[in-house]
Amino acid sequence: MPTNDPKILIFSALIGIVPALFWLWFWLKEDKEKPEPSGILTLCFIAGMLSIFFVLPLEKLARSLVAQEKWQVVSWAAIEEIVNIWL
């Protein structure tokens, strides 16, 4: 169910952004000997953010096709991973 509550929206944004920033920090620290080009890392993060425009309509379709909530969550996760691999 979508919401317009600013507290929930800010919390959701933080929950989505903080882990990604943590992973970026972790991999940059781990990859000191042969670092990836920063342009490629930036493109990967931007592609991940833009993937939402492909994912949301597909997840909405899956919600209408899949009846059980457990399988909806599984289908949403699968859709996100497939779209991110494709991008």
C-alpha atoms as a PDB file:
ATOM      1  CA  MET A   1       0.000   0.000   0.000  1.00  0.00           C
ATOM      2  CA  PRO A   2       1.555   3.317  -1.012  1.00  0.00           C
ATOM      3  CA  THR A   3       1.856   6.030   1.596  1.00  0.00           C
ATOM      4  CA  ASN A   4       2.314   9.769   1.691  1.00  0.00           C
ATOM      5  CA  ASP A   5       3.581   9.842   5.288  1.00  0.00           C
ATOM      6  CA  PRO A   6       6.905  11.749   5.175  1.00  0.00           C
ATOM      7  CA  LYS A   7       8.355   9.778   8.108  1.00  0.00           C
ATOM      8  CA  ILE A   8       7.790   6.473   6.349  1.00  0.00           C
ATOM      9  CA  LEU A   9       9.127   7.817   3.042  1.00  0.00           C
ATOM     10  CA  ILE A  10      12.311   9.155   4.670  1.00  0.00           C
ATOM     11  CA  PHE A  11      12.792   5.930   6.612  1.00  0.00           C
ATOM     12  CA  SER A  12      12.317   3.884   3.433  1.00  0.00           C
ATOM     13  CA  ALA A  13      14.798   6.033   1.523  1.00  0.00           C
ATOM     14  CA  LEU A  14      17.389   5.654   4.284  1.00  0.00           C
ATOM     15  CA  ILE A  15      16.862   1.902   4.453  1.00  0.00           C
ATOM     16  CA  GLY A  16      17.458   1.764   0.690  1.00  0.00           C
ATOM     17  CA  ILE A  17      20.440   4.117   0.527  1.00  0.00           C
ATOM     18  CA  VAL A  18      22.464   3.300   3.645  1.00  0.00           C
ATOM     19  CA  PRO A  19      23.174  -0.370   2.771  1.00  0.00           C
ATOM     20  CA  ALA A  20      24.224   0.617  -0.762  1.00  0.00           C
ATOM     21  CA  LEU A  21      26.608   3.239   0.598  1.00  0.00           C
ATOM     22  CA  PHE A  22      27.971   0.729   3.092  1.00  0.00           C
ATOM     23  CA  TRP A  23      28.668  -1.777   0.283  1.00  0.00           C
ATOM     24  CA  LEU A  24      30.327   0.941  -1.793  1.00  0.00           C
ATOM     25  CA  TRP A  25      32.549   1.894   1.129  1.00  0.00           C
ATOM     26  CA  PHE A  26      33.380  -1.768   1.847  1.00  0.00           C
ATOM     27  CA  TRP A  27      34.339  -2.622  -1.722  1.00  0.00           C
ATOM     28  CA  LEU A  28      36.389   0.537  -2.159  1.00  0.00           C
ATOM     29  CA  LYS A  29      38.367  -0.389   0.976  1.00  0.00           C
ATOM     30  CA  GLU A  30      38.787  -4.007  -0.161  1.00  0.00           C
ATOM     31  CA  ASP A  31      39.861  -3.109  -3.684  1.00  0.00           C
ATOM     32  CA  LYS A  32      42.849  -0.847  -2.958  1.00  0.00           C
ATOM     33  CA  GLU A  33      45.367  -2.785  -5.106  1.00  0.00           C
ATOM     34  CA  LYS A  34      43.360  -2.732  -8.349  1.00  0.00           C
ATOM     35  CA  PRO A  35      40.508  -0.262  -7.881  1.00  0.00           C
ATOM     36  CA  GLU A  36      37.642  -0.131 -10.305  1.00  0.00           C
ATOM     37  CA  PRO A  37      37.342   3.083 -12.322  1.00  0.00           C
ATOM     38  CA  SER A  38      35.159   5.535 -10.424  1.00  0.00           C
ATOM     39  CA  GLY A  39      33.143   6.269 -13.582  1.00  0.00           C
ATOM     40  CA  ILE A  40      32.106   2.631 -13.861  1.00  0.00           C
ATOM     41  CA  LEU A  41      31.136   2.523 -10.184  1.00  0.00           C
ATOM     42  CA  THR A  42      29.089   5.678 -10.628  1.00  0.00           C
ATOM     43  CA  LEU A  43      27.330   4.236 -13.681  1.00  0.00           C
ATOM     44  CA  CYS A  44      26.511   1.041 -11.773  1.00  0.00           C
ATOM     45  CA  PHE A  45      24.929   2.981  -8.928  1.00  0.00           C
ATOM     46  CA  ILE A  46      22.979   5.215 -11.318  1.00  0.00           C
ATOM     47  CA  ALA A  47      21.780   2.169 -13.285  1.00  0.00           C
ATOM     48  CA  GLY A  48      20.633   0.587 -10.026  1.00  0.00           C
ATOM     49  CA  MET A  49      18.670   3.712  -9.146  1.00  0.00           C
ATOM     50  CA  LEU A  50      17.121   3.994 -12.602  1.00  0.00           C
ATOM     51  CA  SER A  51      16.106   0.343 -12.612  1.00  0.00           C
ATOM     52  CA  ILE A  52      13.140   1.317 -10.442  1.00  0.00           C
ATOM     53  CA  PHE A  53      11.375   2.622 -13.547  1.00  0.00           C
ATOM     54  CA  PHE A  54      11.477  -0.889 -15.018  1.00  0.00           C
ATOM     55  CA  VAL A  55      10.902  -2.751 -11.768  1.00  0.00           C
ATOM     56  CA  LEU A  56       7.802  -0.988 -10.421  1.00  0.00           C
ATOM     57  CA  PRO A  57       5.492  -1.791 -13.362  1.00  0.00           C
ATOM     58  CA  LEU A  58       6.688  -5.404 -13.372  1.00  0.00           C
ATOM     59  CA  GLU A  59       6.140  -5.723  -9.621  1.00  0.00           C
ATOM     60  CA  LYS A  60       2.656  -4.249  -9.996  1.00  0.00           C
ATOM     61  CA  LEU A  61       1.926  -6.864 -12.669  1.00  0.00           C
ATOM     62  CA  ALA A  62       3.276  -9.625 -10.419  1.00  0.00           C
ATOM     63  CA  ARG A  63       1.072  -8.414  -7.550  1.00  0.00           C
ATOM     64  CA  SER A  64      -1.994  -8.805  -9.759  1.00  0.00           C
ATOM     65  CA  LEU A  65      -0.943 -12.248 -11.032  1.00  0.00           C
ATOM     66  CA  VAL A  66       0.355 -13.855  -7.836  1.00  0.00           C
ATOM     67  CA  ALA A  67      -2.222 -14.478  -5.108  1.00  0.00           C
ATOM     68  CA  GLN A  68      -0.142 -15.545  -2.112  1.00  0.00           C
ATOM     69  CA  GLU A  69       1.803 -12.810  -0.333  1.00  0.00           C
ATOM     70  CA  LYS A  70       4.828 -15.062   0.198  1.00  0.00           C
ATOM     71  CA  TRP A  71       5.137 -15.695  -3.534  1.00  0.00           C
ATOM     72  CA  GLN A  72       4.582 -12.017  -4.309  1.00  0.00           C
ATOM     73  CA  VAL A  73       7.658 -11.156  -2.263  1.00  0.00           C
ATOM     74  CA  VAL A  74       9.645 -13.908  -3.983  1.00  0.00           C
ATOM     75  CA  SER A  75       8.532 -12.686  -7.410  1.00  0.00           C
ATOM     76  CA  TRP A  76       9.390  -9.067  -6.534  1.00  0.00           C
ATOM     77  CA  ALA A  77      12.889 -10.078  -5.434  1.00  0.00           C
ATOM     78  CA  ALA A  78      13.359 -12.119  -8.595  1.00  0.00           C
ATOM     79  CA  ILE A  79      12.172  -9.234 -10.772  1.00  0.00           C
ATOM     80  CA  GLU A  80      14.588  -6.812  -9.089  1.00  0.00           C
ATOM     81  CA  GLU A  81      17.538  -9.157  -9.491  1.00  0.00           C
ATOM     82  CA  ILE A  82      16.749  -9.966 -13.126  1.00  0.00           C
ATOM     83  CA  VAL A  83      16.349  -6.299 -14.051  1.00  0.00           C
ATOM     84  CA  ASN A  84      19.606  -5.421 -12.289  1.00  0.00           C
ATOM     85  CA  ILE A  85      21.446  -8.176 -14.136  1.00  0.00           C
ATOM     86  CA  TRP A  86      19.953  -6.945 -17.406  1.00  0.00           C
ATOM     87  CA  LEU A  87      21.074  -3.367 -16.733  1.00  0.00           C
END
